[in-house]
Amino acid sequence: MLGATLGSQAYLGRLHAELDRIDRAALERWADHIYRAWEQDRFVFIFGNGGSGTTASHMAEDLGKSTLRPEDLRDESRKRLKVLSLTDNAGWLMAVGNDLAYDQIFVQQLMNYGRAGDLVIAISGSGNSPNVLHAVDWANRHGLVTFGLTGYAGGKLSALQQDGLHVALDDMGMVESIHLCLFHWVLNDVFARINREGRYAA
């Protein structure tokens, strides 16, 4: 844990350095995948475990609500981004975990919801979470687009995913923070495209 050995100034300096190392092209492709899902009326499914699971919830909430202007949220005619966090159905997660296995909690949901062309955003700091890997494997075999968010050495997910963004750092807390920090740029970029604002203004 970097914060256990670094003071606040050094920790923030390290965070700044890690952000500077991020692959900008991968970050922009992440936004491209989400915008394309909106354009093509595809679903976006997001999932992960622990802190990454709550990040998935956060991302789904923001993408569902904050890709439209506040004044447009009551407009039933506005095209919406279809997005779902697979970490949020507690009853389903417990039933599958208890009756089948914990490594089935995401893939079983994808079997119900997922269709070819949909987008999967799989978050795993280690890249080795079996439930994440099973879901990504199924998605790949059924024509979905898979984008991984990883840390550490990338694990098995980095080889299994079709595309992704990697934070090459052996510190889970900072990896998770960077994933969420970068997501907010992605969210803003997708918002600007959908609403033709900022650099996407007509």
N, C-alpha and C. Protein backbone atom coordinates (compact mmCIF):
# COMPACT_ATOMS: atom_id res chain seq x y z
N MET A 1 0.85 -1.19 0.00
CA MET A 1 0.00 0.00 0.00
C MET A 1 0.89 1.24 0.00
N LEU A 2 0.83 1.98 -1.09
CA LEU A 2 1.72 3.13 -1.23
C LEU A 2 1.49 4.17 -0.14
N GLY A 3 0.24 4.35 0.26
CA GLY A 3 -0.05 5.36 1.28
C GLY A 3 0.52 5.02 2.64
N ALA A 4 0.87 3.76 2.86
CA ALA A 4 1.47 3.36 4.14
C ALA A 4 2.94 3.73 4.22
N THR A 5 3.56 3.95 3.07
CA THR A 5 5.00 4.26 3.05
C THR A 5 5.29 5.66 2.55
N LEU A 6 4.35 6.27 1.83
CA LEU A 6 4.56 7.61 1.29
C LEU A 6 3.74 8.64 2.04
N GLY A 7 4.33 9.79 2.28
CA GLY A 7 3.57 10.92 2.82
C GLY A 7 2.64 11.46 1.76
N SER A 8 1.78 12.39 2.16
CA SER A 8 0.76 12.87 1.25
C SER A 8 1.34 13.50 -0.01
N GLN A 9 2.40 14.31 0.15
CA GLN A 9 2.98 14.97 -1.02
C GLN A 9 3.57 13.96 -1.99
N ALA A 10 4.30 12.97 -1.45
CA ALA A 10 4.90 11.95 -2.30
C ALA A 10 3.84 11.07 -2.95
N TYR A 11 2.77 10.78 -2.21
CA TYR A 11 1.69 9.97 -2.76
C TYR A 11 1.02 10.68 -3.94
N LEU A 12 0.74 11.96 -3.76
CA LEU A 12 0.10 12.71 -4.84
C LEU A 12 1.05 12.85 -6.03
N GLY A 13 2.33 12.99 -5.75
CA GLY A 13 3.30 13.04 -6.84
C GLY A 13 3.33 11.74 -7.61
N ARG A 14 3.26 10.60 -6.90
CA ARG A 14 3.24 9.30 -7.57
C ARG A 14 1.96 9.14 -8.39
N LEU A 15 0.84 9.57 -7.84
CA LEU A 15 -0.42 9.50 -8.57
C LEU A 15 -0.33 10.31 -9.87
N HIS A 16 0.23 11.49 -9.78
CA HIS A 16 0.40 12.33 -10.97
C HIS A 16 1.27 11.63 -12.00
N ALA A 17 2.34 11.00 -11.55
CA ALA A 17 3.25 10.31 -12.46
C ALA A 17 2.56 9.13 -13.13
N GLU A 18 1.73 8.41 -12.38
CA GLU A 18 1.03 7.25 -12.95
C GLU A 18 -0.02 7.69 -13.97
N LEU A 19 -0.70 8.79 -13.69
CA LEU A 19 -1.66 9.32 -14.65
C LEU A 19 -0.97 9.73 -15.95
N ASP A 20 0.23 10.27 -15.83
CA ASP A 20 0.97 10.68 -17.02
C ASP A 20 1.38 9.49 -17.88
N ARG A 21 1.44 8.30 -17.28
CA ARG A 21 1.86 7.11 -18.03
C ARG A 21 0.71 6.42 -18.77
N ILE A 22 -0.51 6.86 -18.53
CA ILE A 22 -1.67 6.21 -19.13
C ILE A 22 -1.63 6.32 -20.66
N ASP A 23 -2.01 5.26 -21.32
CA ASP A 23 -2.09 5.22 -22.78
C ASP A 23 -3.30 6.05 -23.22
N ARG A 24 -3.05 7.23 -23.76
CA ARG A 24 -4.14 8.12 -24.17
C ARG A 24 -5.00 7.51 -25.26
N ALA A 25 -4.38 6.75 -26.15
CA ALA A 25 -5.14 6.13 -27.23
C ALA A 25 -6.13 5.12 -26.68
N ALA A 26 -5.72 4.34 -25.67
CA ALA A 26 -6.63 3.37 -25.04
C ALA A 26 -7.77 4.10 -24.33
N LEU A 27 -7.45 5.20 -23.68
CA LEU A 27 -8.48 6.00 -23.00
C LEU A 27 -9.51 6.51 -24.00
N GLU A 28 -9.05 7.00 -25.14
CA GLU A 28 -9.96 7.51 -26.15
C GLU A 28 -10.78 6.38 -26.79
N ARG A 29 -10.17 5.20 -26.95
CA ARG A 29 -10.93 4.06 -27.50
C ARG A 29 -12.03 3.63 -26.54
N TRP A 30 -11.78 3.72 -25.24
CA TRP A 30 -12.80 3.41 -24.25
C TRP A 30 -14.04 4.27 -24.50
N ALA A 31 -13.82 5.57 -24.66
CA ALA A 31 -14.94 6.47 -24.96
C ALA A 31 -15.58 6.12 -26.30
N ASP A 32 -14.76 5.78 -27.29
CA ASP A 32 -15.29 5.41 -28.60
C ASP A 32 -16.25 4.21 -28.51
N HIS A 33 -15.85 3.20 -27.73
CA HIS A 33 -16.68 2.01 -27.59
C HIS A 33 -18.04 2.35 -26.99
N ILE A 34 -18.05 3.19 -25.97
CA ILE A 34 -19.31 3.55 -25.32
C ILE A 34 -20.18 4.39 -26.25
N TYR A 35 -19.57 5.35 -26.93
CA TYR A 35 -20.35 6.17 -27.86
C TYR A 35 -20.91 5.32 -28.99
N ARG A 36 -20.13 4.37 -29.47
CA ARG A 36 -20.61 3.49 -30.55
C ARG A 36 -21.79 2.66 -30.06
N ALA A 37 -21.74 2.21 -28.80
CA ALA A 37 -22.87 1.46 -28.25
C ALA A 37 -24.12 2.33 -28.24
N TRP A 38 -23.97 3.60 -27.89
CA TRP A 38 -25.13 4.51 -27.92
C TRP A 38 -25.63 4.69 -29.34
N GLU A 39 -24.70 4.91 -30.27
CA GLU A 39 -25.09 5.10 -31.68
C GLU A 39 -25.87 3.90 -32.22
N GLN A 40 -25.41 2.70 -31.85
CA GLN A 40 -25.97 1.47 -32.42
C GLN A 40 -27.07 0.87 -31.55
N ASP A 41 -27.44 1.58 -30.49
CA ASP A 41 -28.51 1.14 -29.59
C ASP A 41 -28.17 -0.21 -28.95
N ARG A 42 -26.91 -0.37 -28.57
CA ARG A 42 -26.45 -1.58 -27.90
C ARG A 42 -26.42 -1.39 -26.39
N PHE A 43 -26.41 -2.49 -25.67
CA PHE A 43 -26.29 -2.44 -24.22
C PHE A 43 -24.82 -2.36 -23.81
N VAL A 44 -24.57 -1.69 -22.69
CA VAL A 44 -23.25 -1.67 -22.05
C VAL A 44 -23.39 -2.36 -20.70
N PHE A 45 -22.62 -3.42 -20.48
CA PHE A 45 -22.61 -4.16 -19.22
C PHE A 45 -21.28 -3.93 -18.52
N ILE A 46 -21.34 -3.60 -17.23
CA ILE A 46 -20.12 -3.28 -16.47
C ILE A 46 -20.09 -4.14 -15.21
N PHE A 47 -18.92 -4.69 -14.86
CA PHE A 47 -18.85 -5.52 -13.66
C PHE A 47 -17.42 -5.64 -13.15
N GLY A 48 -17.31 -5.98 -11.88
CA GLY A 48 -16.04 -6.21 -11.20
C GLY A 48 -16.33 -6.62 -9.77
N ASN A 49 -15.30 -6.90 -9.01
CA ASN A 49 -15.45 -7.35 -7.62
C ASN A 49 -14.97 -6.27 -6.64
N GLY A 50 -15.55 -6.27 -5.45
CA GLY A 50 -15.07 -5.38 -4.40
C GLY A 50 -15.12 -3.92 -4.81
N GLY A 51 -13.98 -3.21 -4.67
CA GLY A 51 -13.92 -1.82 -5.07
C GLY A 51 -14.24 -1.65 -6.55
N SER A 52 -13.80 -2.59 -7.36
CA SER A 52 -14.12 -2.53 -8.79
C SER A 52 -15.61 -2.74 -9.03
N GLY A 53 -16.27 -3.50 -8.15
CA GLY A 53 -17.71 -3.68 -8.25
C GLY A 53 -18.46 -2.39 -7.98
N THR A 54 -18.01 -1.64 -6.98
CA THR A 54 -18.67 -0.36 -6.71
C THR A 54 -18.31 0.67 -7.78
N THR A 55 -17.14 0.54 -8.38
CA THR A 55 -16.80 1.38 -9.52
C THR A 55 -17.74 1.08 -10.68
N ALA A 56 -18.06 -0.19 -10.90
CA ALA A 56 -19.01 -0.56 -11.95
C ALA A 56 -20.37 0.09 -11.70
N SER A 57 -20.82 0.07 -10.46
CA SER A 57 -22.08 0.70 -10.11
C SER A 57 -22.04 2.20 -10.39
N HIS A 58 -20.94 2.83 -10.00
CA HIS A 58 -20.77 4.27 -10.20
C HIS A 58 -20.79 4.60 -11.70
N MET A 59 -20.05 3.82 -12.47
CA MET A 59 -20.01 4.07 -13.91
C MET A 59 -21.38 3.92 -14.55
N ALA A 60 -22.11 2.87 -14.17
CA ALA A 60 -23.43 2.64 -14.76
C ALA A 60 -24.39 3.77 -14.41
N GLU A 61 -24.34 4.22 -13.17
CA GLU A 61 -25.22 5.33 -12.75
C GLU A 61 -24.91 6.59 -13.55
N ASP A 62 -23.62 6.92 -13.66
CA ASP A 62 -23.24 8.14 -14.38
C ASP A 62 -23.59 8.04 -15.87
N LEU A 63 -23.30 6.91 -16.46
CA LEU A 63 -23.59 6.75 -17.89
C LEU A 63 -25.09 6.75 -18.16
N GLY A 64 -25.86 6.21 -17.24
CA GLY A 64 -27.30 6.18 -17.42
C GLY A 64 -27.95 7.53 -17.29
N LYS A 65 -27.47 8.34 -16.36
CA LYS A 65 -28.10 9.62 -16.08
C LYS A 65 -27.37 10.80 -16.70
N SER A 66 -26.06 10.76 -16.69
CA SER A 66 -25.29 11.97 -17.00
C SER A 66 -24.75 12.03 -18.42
N THR A 67 -25.32 11.23 -19.32
CA THR A 67 -24.99 11.40 -20.74
C THR A 67 -26.02 12.29 -21.44
N LEU A 68 -27.03 12.71 -20.69
CA LEU A 68 -28.00 13.69 -21.20
C LEU A 68 -27.91 14.96 -20.37
N ARG A 69 -28.31 16.07 -20.96
CA ARG A 69 -28.41 17.31 -20.20
C ARG A 69 -29.51 17.17 -19.15
N PRO A 70 -29.34 17.80 -17.98
CA PRO A 70 -30.38 17.70 -16.95
C PRO A 70 -31.77 18.09 -17.45
N GLU A 71 -31.83 19.09 -18.31
CA GLU A 71 -33.13 19.55 -18.79
C GLU A 71 -33.77 18.57 -19.77
N ASP A 72 -32.99 17.59 -20.25
CA ASP A 72 -33.52 16.61 -21.20
C ASP A 72 -33.95 15.30 -20.55
N LEU A 73 -33.72 15.16 -19.25
CA LEU A 73 -33.99 13.87 -18.60
C LEU A 73 -35.47 13.50 -18.60
N ARG A 74 -36.35 14.48 -18.66
CA ARG A 74 -37.79 14.19 -18.70
C ARG A 74 -38.33 14.03 -20.13
N ASP A 75 -37.44 14.20 -21.09
CA ASP A 75 -37.85 14.11 -22.49
C ASP A 75 -37.87 12.65 -22.92
N GLU A 76 -39.06 12.09 -23.07
CA GLU A 76 -39.20 10.67 -23.40
C GLU A 76 -38.72 10.35 -24.81
N SER A 77 -38.55 11.35 -25.63
CA SER A 77 -38.13 11.11 -27.01
C SER A 77 -36.61 11.01 -27.16
N ARG A 78 -35.88 11.42 -26.12
CA ARG A 78 -34.42 11.41 -26.23
C ARG A 78 -33.88 9.99 -26.22
N LYS A 79 -32.96 9.71 -27.13
CA LYS A 79 -32.30 8.42 -27.18
C LYS A 79 -31.41 8.27 -25.95
N ARG A 80 -31.49 7.11 -25.32
CA ARG A 80 -30.75 6.86 -24.08
C ARG A 80 -29.66 5.82 -24.29
N LEU A 81 -28.64 5.89 -23.45
CA LEU A 81 -27.62 4.85 -23.42
C LEU A 81 -28.12 3.72 -22.54
N LYS A 82 -28.18 2.53 -23.08
CA LYS A 82 -28.60 1.35 -22.32
C LYS A 82 -27.39 0.83 -21.55
N VAL A 83 -27.42 0.92 -20.24
CA VAL A 83 -26.26 0.54 -19.43
C VAL A 83 -26.72 -0.15 -18.16
N LEU A 84 -25.99 -1.19 -17.76
CA LEU A 84 -26.37 -1.96 -16.58
C LEU A 84 -25.11 -2.46 -15.87
N SER A 85 -25.05 -2.24 -14.57
CA SER A 85 -23.99 -2.82 -13.75
C SER A 85 -24.44 -4.20 -13.28
N LEU A 86 -23.68 -5.22 -13.60
CA LEU A 86 -24.03 -6.59 -13.19
C LEU A 86 -23.68 -6.86 -11.74
N THR A 87 -23.20 -5.86 -11.02
CA THR A 87 -22.88 -6.03 -9.59
C THR A 87 -24.06 -5.65 -8.69
N ASP A 88 -25.16 -5.16 -9.26
CA ASP A 88 -26.18 -4.50 -8.45
C ASP A 88 -27.41 -5.32 -8.11
N ASN A 89 -27.59 -6.49 -8.72
CA ASN A 89 -28.76 -7.30 -8.41
C ASN A 89 -28.39 -8.29 -7.30
N ALA A 90 -28.54 -7.85 -6.05
CA ALA A 90 -28.04 -8.63 -4.92
C ALA A 90 -28.67 -10.01 -4.85
N GLY A 91 -29.98 -10.10 -5.09
CA GLY A 91 -30.65 -11.39 -5.01
C GLY A 91 -30.11 -12.38 -6.03
N TRP A 92 -29.93 -11.90 -7.25
CA TRP A 92 -29.40 -12.77 -8.31
C TRP A 92 -27.97 -13.20 -8.00
N LEU A 93 -27.15 -12.25 -7.54
CA LEU A 93 -25.76 -12.57 -7.21
C LEU A 93 -25.70 -13.65 -6.12
N MET A 94 -26.54 -13.51 -5.09
CA MET A 94 -26.52 -14.49 -4.00
C MET A 94 -27.05 -15.84 -4.45
N ALA A 95 -28.10 -15.83 -5.26
CA ALA A 95 -28.67 -17.09 -5.73
C ALA A 95 -27.67 -17.86 -6.59
N VAL A 96 -27.05 -17.16 -7.54
CA VAL A 96 -26.08 -17.83 -8.41
C VAL A 96 -24.86 -18.27 -7.61
N GLY A 97 -24.37 -17.41 -6.73
CA GLY A 97 -23.21 -17.76 -5.91
C GLY A 97 -23.48 -18.97 -5.03
N ASN A 98 -24.69 -19.05 -4.50
CA ASN A 98 -25.05 -20.15 -3.60
C ASN A 98 -25.38 -21.43 -4.36
N ASP A 99 -26.14 -21.31 -5.44
CA ASP A 99 -26.67 -22.49 -6.12
C ASP A 99 -25.72 -23.05 -7.18
N LEU A 100 -24.90 -22.19 -7.78
CA LEU A 100 -23.95 -22.64 -8.79
C LEU A 100 -22.53 -22.47 -8.27
N ALA A 101 -21.98 -21.28 -8.46
CA ALA A 101 -20.63 -20.97 -7.97
C ALA A 101 -20.42 -19.47 -8.12
N TYR A 102 -19.53 -18.92 -7.30
CA TYR A 102 -19.28 -17.49 -7.36
C TYR A 102 -18.70 -17.08 -8.70
N ASP A 103 -17.98 -17.97 -9.34
CA ASP A 103 -17.40 -17.60 -10.63
C ASP A 103 -18.44 -17.50 -11.75
N GLN A 104 -19.71 -17.78 -11.43
CA GLN A 104 -20.78 -17.72 -12.41
C GLN A 104 -21.65 -16.47 -12.28
N ILE A 105 -21.37 -15.59 -11.32
CA ILE A 105 -22.32 -14.52 -11.00
C ILE A 105 -22.50 -13.50 -12.12
N PHE A 106 -21.48 -13.29 -12.94
CA PHE A 106 -21.62 -12.33 -14.04
C PHE A 106 -22.02 -13.01 -15.35
N VAL A 107 -21.43 -14.14 -15.63
CA VAL A 107 -21.72 -14.80 -16.90
C VAL A 107 -23.17 -15.25 -16.98
N GLN A 108 -23.75 -15.66 -15.87
CA GLN A 108 -25.16 -16.08 -15.89
C GLN A 108 -26.06 -14.91 -16.26
N GLN A 109 -25.74 -13.73 -15.79
CA GLN A 109 -26.52 -12.54 -16.16
C GLN A 109 -26.33 -12.20 -17.64
N LEU A 110 -25.11 -12.30 -18.12
CA LEU A 110 -24.87 -12.02 -19.53
C LEU A 110 -25.62 -12.99 -20.42
N MET A 111 -25.75 -14.24 -19.99
CA MET A 111 -26.49 -15.22 -20.78
C MET A 111 -27.94 -14.79 -20.95
N ASN A 112 -28.50 -14.11 -19.95
CA ASN A 112 -29.87 -13.60 -20.05
C ASN A 112 -29.97 -12.33 -20.88
N TYR A 113 -29.02 -11.42 -20.67
CA TYR A 113 -29.13 -10.07 -21.23
C TYR A 113 -28.33 -9.84 -22.51
N GLY A 114 -27.17 -10.44 -22.61
CA GLY A 114 -26.21 -10.08 -23.64
C GLY A 114 -26.57 -10.54 -25.04
N ARG A 115 -26.27 -9.69 -26.01
CA ARG A 115 -26.48 -10.01 -27.41
C ARG A 115 -25.25 -9.56 -28.21
N ALA A 116 -25.05 -10.18 -29.35
CA ALA A 116 -23.92 -9.81 -30.21
C ALA A 116 -23.94 -8.30 -30.48
N GLY A 117 -22.79 -7.69 -30.37
CA GLY A 117 -22.67 -6.26 -30.59
C GLY A 117 -22.73 -5.42 -29.33
N ASP A 118 -23.24 -5.99 -28.23
CA ASP A 118 -23.25 -5.28 -26.95
C ASP A 118 -21.81 -5.09 -26.46
N LEU A 119 -21.63 -4.17 -25.53
CA LEU A 119 -20.31 -3.85 -24.98
C LEU A 119 -20.20 -4.33 -23.55
N VAL A 120 -19.11 -5.01 -23.24
CA VAL A 120 -18.79 -5.44 -21.88
C VAL A 120 -17.59 -4.64 -21.39
N ILE A 121 -17.72 -4.02 -20.24
CA ILE A 121 -16.58 -3.36 -19.58
C ILE A 121 -16.29 -4.16 -18.32
N ALA A 122 -15.17 -4.86 -18.33
CA ALA A 122 -14.80 -5.77 -17.24
C ALA A 122 -13.66 -5.15 -16.45
N ILE A 123 -13.86 -5.02 -15.13
CA ILE A 123 -12.88 -4.35 -14.28
C ILE A 123 -12.26 -5.36 -13.32
N SER A 124 -10.94 -5.49 -13.37
CA SER A 124 -10.24 -6.38 -12.44
C SER A 124 -8.83 -5.84 -12.24
N GLY A 125 -8.56 -5.36 -11.03
CA GLY A 125 -7.23 -4.83 -10.75
C GLY A 125 -6.13 -5.84 -11.02
N SER A 126 -6.35 -7.06 -10.58
CA SER A 126 -5.36 -8.12 -10.79
C SER A 126 -5.43 -8.69 -12.19
N GLY A 127 -6.61 -8.61 -12.80
CA GLY A 127 -6.82 -9.23 -14.10
C GLY A 127 -7.06 -10.72 -14.02
N ASN A 128 -7.23 -11.25 -12.82
CA ASN A 128 -7.33 -12.70 -12.65
C ASN A 128 -8.58 -13.16 -11.92
N SER A 129 -9.60 -12.32 -11.80
CA SER A 129 -10.83 -12.71 -11.11
C SER A 129 -11.60 -13.72 -11.96
N PRO A 130 -11.80 -14.95 -11.46
CA PRO A 130 -12.46 -15.98 -12.28
C PRO A 130 -13.84 -15.59 -12.78
N ASN A 131 -14.63 -14.90 -11.95
CA ASN A 131 -15.98 -14.54 -12.41
C ASN A 131 -15.94 -13.52 -13.54
N VAL A 132 -14.97 -12.64 -13.52
CA VAL A 132 -14.79 -11.68 -14.61
C VAL A 132 -14.32 -12.39 -15.87
N LEU A 133 -13.37 -13.30 -15.72
CA LEU A 133 -12.82 -14.02 -16.87
C LEU A 133 -13.87 -14.89 -17.55
N HIS A 134 -14.70 -15.58 -16.77
CA HIS A 134 -15.76 -16.41 -17.36
C HIS A 134 -16.71 -15.56 -18.19
N ALA A 135 -17.07 -14.39 -17.66
CA ALA A 135 -18.01 -13.53 -18.38
C ALA A 135 -17.38 -12.98 -19.66
N VAL A 136 -16.12 -12.59 -19.61
CA VAL A 136 -15.45 -12.06 -20.80
C VAL A 136 -15.28 -13.16 -21.84
N ASP A 137 -14.93 -14.34 -21.41
CA ASP A 137 -14.80 -15.46 -22.35
C ASP A 137 -16.13 -15.73 -23.06
N TRP A 138 -17.23 -15.77 -22.31
CA TRP A 138 -18.55 -15.99 -22.92
C TRP A 138 -18.87 -14.87 -23.90
N ALA A 139 -18.60 -13.63 -23.48
CA ALA A 139 -18.89 -12.48 -24.34
C ALA A 139 -18.11 -12.56 -25.64
N ASN A 140 -16.84 -12.91 -25.56
CA ASN A 140 -16.03 -13.04 -26.78
C ASN A 140 -16.61 -14.09 -27.72
N ARG A 141 -17.07 -15.19 -27.16
CA ARG A 141 -17.56 -16.30 -27.98
C ARG A 141 -18.95 -16.05 -28.55
N HIS A 142 -19.61 -15.01 -28.06
CA HIS A 142 -20.98 -14.72 -28.52
C HIS A 142 -21.09 -13.36 -29.20
N GLY A 143 -19.99 -12.82 -29.65
CA GLY A 143 -20.03 -11.64 -30.50
C GLY A 143 -20.16 -10.31 -29.80
N LEU A 144 -19.95 -10.28 -28.48
CA LEU A 144 -19.97 -9.01 -27.76
C LEU A 144 -18.58 -8.37 -27.86
N VAL A 145 -18.51 -7.08 -27.63
CA VAL A 145 -17.25 -6.35 -27.59
C VAL A 145 -16.77 -6.31 -26.15
N THR A 146 -15.52 -6.67 -25.89
CA THR A 146 -15.02 -6.71 -24.51
C THR A 146 -13.88 -5.71 -24.32
N PHE A 147 -14.02 -4.90 -23.27
CA PHE A 147 -13.01 -3.90 -22.92
C PHE A 147 -12.67 -4.08 -21.45
N GLY A 148 -11.40 -4.32 -21.16
CA GLY A 148 -10.98 -4.56 -19.78
C GLY A 148 -10.27 -3.37 -19.17
N LEU A 149 -10.46 -3.22 -17.87
CA LEU A 149 -9.71 -2.24 -17.07
C LEU A 149 -8.90 -3.04 -16.05
N THR A 150 -7.59 -2.96 -16.15
CA THR A 150 -6.72 -3.80 -15.34
C THR A 150 -5.65 -2.97 -14.63
N GLY A 151 -4.96 -3.64 -13.70
CA GLY A 151 -3.81 -3.08 -13.02
C GLY A 151 -2.74 -4.15 -12.91
N TYR A 152 -1.77 -3.93 -12.02
CA TYR A 152 -0.68 -4.89 -11.81
C TYR A 152 -0.07 -5.28 -13.16
N ALA A 153 0.07 -6.58 -13.44
CA ALA A 153 0.65 -7.00 -14.72
C ALA A 153 -0.42 -7.24 -15.78
N GLY A 154 -1.68 -7.01 -15.44
CA GLY A 154 -2.77 -7.19 -16.39
C GLY A 154 -3.45 -8.54 -16.29
N GLY A 155 -2.73 -9.55 -15.76
CA GLY A 155 -3.30 -10.87 -15.55
C GLY A 155 -3.86 -11.50 -16.81
N LYS A 156 -4.72 -12.48 -16.60
CA LYS A 156 -5.32 -13.22 -17.73
C LYS A 156 -6.29 -12.36 -18.52
N LEU A 157 -6.90 -11.38 -17.87
CA LEU A 157 -7.87 -10.52 -18.56
C LEU A 157 -7.21 -9.76 -19.71
N SER A 158 -5.98 -9.31 -19.51
CA SER A 158 -5.32 -8.52 -20.56
C SER A 158 -5.12 -9.32 -21.84
N ALA A 159 -5.01 -10.64 -21.71
CA ALA A 159 -4.87 -11.50 -22.89
C ALA A 159 -6.22 -11.89 -23.47
N LEU A 160 -7.26 -11.93 -22.62
CA LEU A 160 -8.58 -12.40 -23.04
C LEU A 160 -9.41 -11.29 -23.66
N GLN A 161 -9.30 -10.09 -23.16
CA GLN A 161 -10.11 -8.96 -23.63
C GLN A 161 -9.76 -8.62 -25.08
N GLN A 162 -10.72 -8.02 -25.78
CA GLN A 162 -10.46 -7.55 -27.14
C GLN A 162 -9.73 -6.21 -27.15
N ASP A 163 -10.00 -5.40 -26.15
CA ASP A 163 -9.38 -4.08 -26.03
C ASP A 163 -9.36 -3.75 -24.54
N GLY A 164 -8.61 -2.73 -24.16
CA GLY A 164 -8.60 -2.38 -22.75
C GLY A 164 -7.64 -1.27 -22.42
N LEU A 165 -7.70 -0.88 -21.16
CA LEU A 165 -6.82 0.14 -20.61
C LEU A 165 -6.14 -0.44 -19.38
N HIS A 166 -4.82 -0.33 -19.34
CA HIS A 166 -4.03 -0.95 -18.29
C HIS A 166 -3.33 0.11 -17.44
N VAL A 167 -3.42 -0.04 -16.11
CA VAL A 167 -2.68 0.79 -15.18
C VAL A 167 -1.57 -0.08 -14.61
N ALA A 168 -0.36 0.12 -15.09
CA ALA A 168 0.76 -0.76 -14.77
C ALA A 168 1.35 -0.40 -13.41
N LEU A 169 0.64 -0.79 -12.36
CA LEU A 169 1.00 -0.39 -11.01
C LEU A 169 0.57 -1.46 -10.03
N ASP A 170 1.44 -1.82 -9.10
CA ASP A 170 1.14 -2.87 -8.11
C ASP A 170 0.59 -2.26 -6.82
N ASP A 171 -0.48 -1.52 -6.93
CA ASP A 171 -1.14 -0.94 -5.76
C ASP A 171 -2.63 -0.84 -6.06
N MET A 172 -3.42 -1.69 -5.41
CA MET A 172 -4.84 -1.79 -5.76
C MET A 172 -5.58 -0.48 -5.56
N GLY A 173 -5.31 0.21 -4.48
CA GLY A 173 -6.04 1.45 -4.21
C GLY A 173 -5.82 2.49 -5.28
N MET A 174 -4.57 2.66 -5.69
CA MET A 174 -4.28 3.66 -6.70
C MET A 174 -4.81 3.22 -8.06
N VAL A 175 -4.73 1.92 -8.36
CA VAL A 175 -5.28 1.40 -9.62
C VAL A 175 -6.77 1.71 -9.69
N GLU A 176 -7.50 1.38 -8.61
CA GLU A 176 -8.94 1.63 -8.60
C GLU A 176 -9.27 3.11 -8.72
N SER A 177 -8.47 3.95 -8.05
CA SER A 177 -8.69 5.40 -8.14
C SER A 177 -8.48 5.91 -9.55
N ILE A 178 -7.45 5.40 -10.21
CA ILE A 178 -7.16 5.85 -11.57
C ILE A 178 -8.25 5.40 -12.53
N HIS A 179 -8.73 4.16 -12.38
CA HIS A 179 -9.83 3.70 -13.23
C HIS A 179 -11.01 4.67 -13.16
N LEU A 180 -11.39 5.04 -11.95
CA LEU A 180 -12.56 5.90 -11.79
C LEU A 180 -12.28 7.32 -12.25
N CYS A 181 -11.07 7.81 -11.97
CA CYS A 181 -10.69 9.15 -12.40
C CYS A 181 -10.76 9.26 -13.93
N LEU A 182 -10.19 8.28 -14.61
CA LEU A 182 -10.19 8.31 -16.08
C LEU A 182 -11.60 8.16 -16.64
N PHE A 183 -12.42 7.37 -15.95
CA PHE A 183 -13.80 7.20 -16.40
C PHE A 183 -14.52 8.53 -16.51
N HIS A 184 -14.26 9.45 -15.59
CA HIS A 184 -14.99 10.71 -15.63
C HIS A 184 -14.64 11.52 -16.88
N TRP A 185 -13.43 11.38 -17.41
CA TRP A 185 -13.14 12.00 -18.70
C TRP A 185 -13.95 11.29 -19.79
N VAL A 186 -13.99 9.97 -19.75
CA VAL A 186 -14.76 9.20 -20.73
C VAL A 186 -16.22 9.64 -20.71
N LEU A 187 -16.79 9.73 -19.52
CA LEU A 187 -18.18 10.17 -19.37
C LEU A 187 -18.40 11.54 -20.01
N ASN A 188 -17.52 12.48 -19.71
CA ASN A 188 -17.66 13.84 -20.25
C ASN A 188 -17.51 13.84 -21.76
N ASP A 189 -16.61 13.02 -22.28
CA ASP A 189 -16.41 12.95 -23.72
C ASP A 189 -17.65 12.38 -24.42
N VAL A 190 -18.21 11.32 -23.85
CA VAL A 190 -19.42 10.72 -24.43
C VAL A 190 -20.59 11.70 -24.35
N PHE A 191 -20.71 12.39 -23.22
CA PHE A 191 -21.75 13.42 -23.07
C PHE A 191 -21.63 14.47 -24.17
N ALA A 192 -20.41 14.95 -24.38
CA ALA A 192 -20.20 16.00 -25.38
C ALA A 192 -20.57 15.52 -26.77
N ARG A 193 -20.28 14.27 -27.09
CA ARG A 193 -20.62 13.73 -28.42
C ARG A 193 -22.13 13.59 -28.59
N ILE A 194 -22.78 13.01 -27.57
CA ILE A 194 -24.22 12.79 -27.66
C ILE A 194 -24.98 14.11 -27.79
N ASN A 195 -24.51 15.12 -27.07
CA ASN A 195 -25.22 16.39 -27.01
C ASN A 195 -24.62 17.47 -27.92
N ARG A 196 -23.60 17.08 -28.70
CA ARG A 196 -22.95 17.99 -29.64
C ARG A 196 -22.51 19.27 -28.94
N GLU A 197 -21.75 19.08 -27.86
CA GLU A 197 -21.24 20.21 -27.08
C GLU A 197 -19.72 20.23 -27.11
N GLY A 198 -19.16 21.33 -26.60
CA GLY A 198 -17.70 21.42 -26.51
C GLY A 198 -17.05 21.26 -27.86
N ARG A 199 -16.03 20.42 -27.92
CA ARG A 199 -15.29 20.25 -29.19
C ARG A 199 -16.10 19.49 -30.23
N TYR A 200 -17.25 18.94 -29.84
CA TYR A 200 -18.12 18.24 -30.79
C TYR A 200 -19.30 19.09 -31.25
N ALA A 201 -19.30 20.36 -30.86
CA ALA A 201 -20.41 21.25 -31.24
C ALA A 201 -20.48 21.35 -32.76
N ALA A 202 -21.70 21.35 -33.26
CA ALA A 202 -21.89 21.43 -34.72
C ALA A 202 -21.45 22.78 -35.24
